[in-house]
Amino acid sequence: MKTKFFKIFTLALVMCSGITNAQIKTNNATSATITGESVFLDASSFPSNSIGKGLNFPRTNLVTFTFTSPTTSALKFPTAYDGLVVYNTATGTTITGIPVAVTPGFYYYKNTGATTNSTTGIWTPIAGANTSVDIKTTETITNTLVNGSQVYGIKGTFTATGSSAFVSVPVPTDMTGLYKMTIFKPGGSTVFATGVQTFNVATSTNNVVTGEGMITQVYPAGTYDYVLEYFK
């Protein structure tokens, strides 16, 4: 009799274990069986919609963040962390994947490569995050990529003679191509013009002809601020 009772009790434990594995427990409430459902976790209605509940994402410093065991983690995570979401707390440049400027906010790791630190991996701001980058007089990594190529920026000034479309703008070190040049009116932040006709990267002075479309621009005599965005 004891043996029969023990077998029944053991069978009941196995059945309960199977049921438990098919359920999810949130806020001390067990949900209905989720086998075959698209949702793996549902905490939308407990205890009520009027009580504040939210999902707290991990906070990390993307300026110093590195993946653990980069040579083997791709075996544990076949997607190589593609889609990983974090809340970044730092301002600076990432050291994982493609270097990119980051500021506090939500980011996800966009990676089409086979390894975590692939050259295709990049921390990408989620819509609504602070994506602005302050371009300074020293080379700045912007948050812009074009076909996977990083866009850099630098701020400076030039002096116009008032009679020529040529202006003197030094070529940034290792610059290979131009992305955009924006000129501001003296003493303010109002945009005077955006556009470049020619830019000779082989010389360092009198190498820029600016303008809009097919029209060159001759600036009144004076000093102007500019922001140059470029490729390396």
Protein backbone atom coordinates (compact mmCIF):
# COMPACT_ATOMS: atom_id res chain seq x y z
CA MET A 1 0.00 0.00 0.00
CA LYS A 2 2.85 2.34 0.88
CA THR A 3 4.61 1.46 -2.36
CA LYS A 4 1.47 2.23 -4.37
CA PHE A 5 1.02 5.54 -2.54
CA PHE A 6 4.67 6.47 -3.17
CA LYS A 7 4.28 5.81 -6.92
CA ILE A 8 1.15 7.94 -7.10
CA PHE A 9 2.81 10.74 -5.12
CA THR A 10 5.88 10.62 -7.38
CA LEU A 11 3.69 10.74 -10.49
CA ALA A 12 1.84 13.77 -9.09
CA LEU A 13 5.13 15.61 -8.52
CA VAL A 14 6.25 14.93 -12.09
CA MET A 15 2.93 16.20 -13.45
CA CYS A 16 3.10 19.36 -11.33
CA SER A 17 6.65 19.93 -12.49
CA GLY A 18 5.58 19.70 -16.12
CA ILE A 19 2.73 22.17 -15.55
CA THR A 20 5.01 24.62 -13.69
CA ASN A 21 7.56 24.61 -16.52
CA ALA A 22 4.82 25.68 -18.93
CA GLN A 23 3.82 28.67 -16.80
CA ILE A 24 5.42 31.99 -15.89
CA LYS A 25 5.34 33.62 -12.49
CA THR A 26 5.37 37.43 -12.25
CA ASN A 27 4.68 39.52 -9.16
CA ASN A 28 3.80 36.29 -7.30
CA ALA A 29 1.01 35.48 -9.74
CA THR A 30 1.19 32.51 -12.07
CA SER A 31 -0.03 33.10 -15.61
CA ALA A 32 -1.97 30.71 -17.77
CA THR A 33 -0.13 28.06 -19.76
CA ILE A 34 1.86 29.76 -22.54
CA THR A 35 2.83 26.79 -24.68
CA GLY A 36 2.62 27.83 -28.32
CA GLU A 37 2.04 31.52 -27.52
CA SER A 38 4.12 34.36 -28.99
CA VAL A 39 4.39 36.19 -25.64
CA PHE A 40 6.96 34.76 -23.24
CA LEU A 41 6.16 37.17 -20.39
CA ASP A 42 2.98 39.09 -19.61
CA ALA A 43 2.86 41.46 -16.67
CA SER A 44 0.51 43.95 -18.30
CA SER A 45 -2.48 43.61 -15.99
CA PHE A 46 -1.18 42.65 -12.55
CA PRO A 47 -2.11 43.82 -10.03
CA SER A 48 -3.86 46.60 -11.99
CA ASN A 49 -3.09 49.11 -14.72
CA SER A 50 -3.35 51.97 -12.22
CA ILE A 51 -0.34 50.81 -10.20
CA GLY A 52 3.01 51.84 -11.64
CA LYS A 53 5.03 48.94 -12.99
CA GLY A 54 7.82 48.99 -15.53
CA LEU A 55 10.72 47.03 -16.94
CA ASN A 56 14.07 48.18 -15.53
CA PHE A 57 16.79 47.70 -18.15
CA PRO A 58 20.41 47.08 -17.15
CA ARG A 59 22.48 50.27 -16.80
CA THR A 60 26.00 50.20 -18.18
CA ASN A 61 28.89 52.40 -19.30
CA LEU A 62 29.24 51.84 -23.05
CA VAL A 63 32.51 53.81 -23.07
CA THR A 64 34.18 50.96 -21.15
CA PHE A 65 31.78 48.10 -21.95
CA THR A 66 33.21 44.91 -23.51
CA PHE A 67 31.63 41.52 -24.14
CA THR A 68 32.84 38.65 -22.00
CA SER A 69 34.66 35.81 -23.78
CA PRO A 70 34.31 37.34 -27.25
CA THR A 71 35.80 34.27 -28.94
CA THR A 72 33.24 31.84 -27.52
CA SER A 73 30.16 33.91 -26.72
CA ALA A 74 28.99 33.67 -30.32
CA LEU A 75 28.57 29.93 -29.67
CA LYS A 76 26.38 30.65 -26.65
CA PHE A 77 24.53 33.45 -28.44
CA PRO A 78 24.32 32.62 -32.18
CA THR A 79 23.11 36.16 -32.95
CA ALA A 80 26.39 37.60 -31.55
CA TYR A 81 24.32 39.85 -29.25
CA ASP A 82 22.51 41.47 -32.18
CA GLY A 83 19.54 43.31 -30.62
CA LEU A 84 20.94 43.51 -27.06
CA VAL A 85 19.36 46.52 -25.28
CA VAL A 86 20.99 48.54 -22.47
CA TYR A 87 20.68 51.94 -20.84
CA ASN A 88 23.98 53.79 -21.29
CA THR A 89 25.06 56.12 -18.47
CA ALA A 90 28.23 57.59 -20.01
CA THR A 91 29.34 60.16 -22.58
CA GLY A 92 32.24 59.29 -24.84
CA THR A 93 33.27 56.77 -27.50
CA THR A 94 32.51 53.05 -27.47
CA ILE A 95 35.29 50.45 -27.60
CA THR A 96 33.09 47.52 -28.66
CA GLY A 97 32.61 47.03 -32.40
CA ILE A 98 32.72 50.22 -34.51
CA PRO A 99 33.76 53.22 -32.34
CA VAL A 100 30.82 55.60 -32.07
CA ALA A 101 29.99 58.60 -29.89
CA VAL A 102 27.37 57.89 -27.22
CA THR A 103 25.48 59.90 -24.61
CA PRO A 104 23.17 58.73 -21.80
CA GLY A 105 20.13 56.93 -23.16
CA PHE A 106 18.88 53.61 -24.55
CA TYR A 107 21.03 51.78 -27.11
CA TYR A 108 20.87 48.41 -28.85
CA TYR A 109 23.77 46.47 -30.36
CA LYS A 110 23.27 46.16 -34.11
CA ASN A 111 25.52 43.38 -35.37
CA THR A 112 25.37 41.46 -38.64
CA GLY A 113 28.73 39.76 -38.06
CA ALA A 114 29.47 36.30 -36.69
CA THR A 115 31.34 37.47 -33.58
CA THR A 116 30.47 39.89 -30.80
CA ASN A 117 33.27 42.35 -31.57
CA SER A 118 32.79 42.19 -35.32
CA THR A 119 33.70 45.29 -37.33
CA THR A 120 30.03 45.39 -38.35
CA GLY A 121 28.81 45.66 -34.75
CA ILE A 122 27.74 49.10 -33.55
CA TRP A 123 25.84 50.54 -30.59
CA THR A 124 22.81 52.29 -32.07
CA PRO A 125 20.61 54.78 -30.21
CA ILE A 126 16.96 53.81 -29.82
CA ALA A 127 14.46 56.40 -31.03
CA GLY A 128 13.92 58.96 -28.29
CA ALA A 129 17.43 58.64 -26.90
CA ASN A 130 19.73 61.66 -26.82
CA THR A 131 21.47 61.34 -30.20
CA SER A 132 23.02 64.82 -30.41
CA VAL A 133 26.79 65.20 -30.59
CA ASP A 134 28.57 68.49 -29.91
CA ILE A 135 31.06 68.95 -32.76
CA LYS A 136 34.13 70.73 -31.43
CA THR A 137 37.37 72.25 -32.73
CA THR A 138 39.02 68.85 -32.32
CA GLU A 139 37.97 65.83 -34.36
CA THR A 140 34.60 64.55 -33.20
CA ILE A 141 33.00 61.17 -33.90
CA THR A 142 29.40 61.87 -34.94
CA ASN A 143 26.41 59.54 -34.68
CA THR A 144 26.16 59.32 -38.47
CA LEU A 145 27.06 56.30 -40.58
CA VAL A 146 26.80 56.16 -44.37
CA ASN A 147 26.88 52.64 -45.83
CA GLY A 148 28.64 51.56 -42.65
CA SER A 149 31.30 54.29 -42.89
CA GLN A 150 31.73 56.57 -39.86
CA VAL A 151 31.25 60.32 -40.35
CA TYR A 152 33.58 62.62 -38.38
CA GLY A 153 33.19 66.33 -37.68
CA ILE A 154 35.29 69.34 -36.82
CA LYS A 155 34.51 73.02 -36.19
CA GLY A 156 36.58 76.00 -37.32
CA THR A 157 36.61 79.50 -38.83
CA PHE A 158 37.64 80.99 -42.15
CA THR A 159 38.10 84.51 -43.48
CA ALA A 160 36.42 85.60 -46.73
CA THR A 161 37.82 88.37 -48.94
CA GLY A 162 34.43 89.42 -50.25
CA SER A 163 35.48 88.94 -53.87
CA SER A 164 36.19 85.22 -54.26
CA ALA A 165 34.30 81.95 -53.87
CA PHE A 166 37.46 80.31 -52.53
CA VAL A 167 37.87 80.04 -48.76
CA SER A 168 40.74 78.64 -46.72
CA VAL A 169 39.84 75.56 -44.68
CA PRO A 170 42.51 73.11 -43.43
CA VAL A 171 42.00 69.47 -44.41
CA PRO A 172 41.53 67.21 -41.34
CA THR A 173 44.15 64.51 -40.84
CA ASP A 174 43.45 61.30 -42.82
CA MET A 175 40.34 62.78 -44.45
CA THR A 176 39.39 60.75 -47.55
CA GLY A 177 36.08 62.31 -48.54
CA LEU A 178 33.64 65.07 -47.73
CA TYR A 179 30.19 64.53 -46.27
CA LYS A 180 28.93 68.06 -45.62
CA MET A 181 30.07 71.59 -44.82
CA THR A 182 27.88 74.10 -43.00
CA ILE A 183 28.75 77.82 -42.77
CA PHE A 184 27.34 80.09 -40.08
CA LYS A 185 26.96 83.83 -40.06
CA PRO A 186 29.52 85.72 -37.96
CA GLY A 187 28.58 86.15 -34.32
CA GLY A 188 25.61 83.81 -34.38
CA SER A 189 24.32 80.31 -35.04
CA THR A 190 22.17 81.10 -38.10
CA VAL A 191 23.11 78.91 -41.07
CA PHE A 192 24.52 80.99 -43.94
CA ALA A 193 24.97 78.12 -46.40
CA THR A 194 25.25 74.34 -46.58
CA GLY A 195 27.03 72.83 -49.52
CA VAL A 196 30.38 72.48 -51.24
CA GLN A 197 31.24 72.67 -54.93
CA THR A 198 34.80 71.37 -54.72
CA PHE A 199 37.18 70.32 -51.96
CA ASN A 200 40.78 69.46 -52.79
CA VAL A 201 42.07 67.09 -50.10
CA ALA A 202 45.60 67.29 -51.52
CA THR A 203 46.15 70.86 -50.33
CA SER A 204 45.60 72.59 -47.01
CA THR A 205 44.82 76.20 -48.00
CA ASN A 206 42.39 77.92 -50.37
CA ASN A 207 40.93 74.55 -51.25
CA VAL A 208 37.18 74.96 -50.79
CA VAL A 209 34.61 76.38 -53.18
CA THR A 210 31.28 76.63 -51.40
CA GLY A 211 27.78 77.08 -52.70
CA GLU A 212 24.27 75.68 -53.04
CA GLY A 213 23.56 73.28 -55.89
CA MET A 214 25.33 74.52 -59.02
CA ILE A 215 25.69 78.09 -57.70
CA THR A 216 28.95 79.11 -56.05
CA GLN A 217 28.84 81.36 -53.01
CA VAL A 218 30.85 84.56 -52.57
CA TYR A 219 30.77 85.66 -48.94
CA PRO A 220 30.93 89.29 -47.82
CA ALA A 221 34.32 90.12 -46.34
CA GLY A 222 34.67 88.86 -42.79
CA THR A 223 35.17 85.82 -40.58
CA TYR A 224 32.76 82.89 -40.61
CA ASP A 225 32.26 79.76 -38.53
CA TYR A 226 31.96 76.37 -40.20
CA VAL A 227 31.37 72.72 -39.38
CA LEU A 228 33.02 70.19 -41.65
CA GLU A 229 31.77 66.57 -41.68
CA TYR A 230 33.91 64.03 -43.48
CA PHE A 231 35.06 60.42 -43.96
CA LYS A 232 38.40 58.83 -43.11
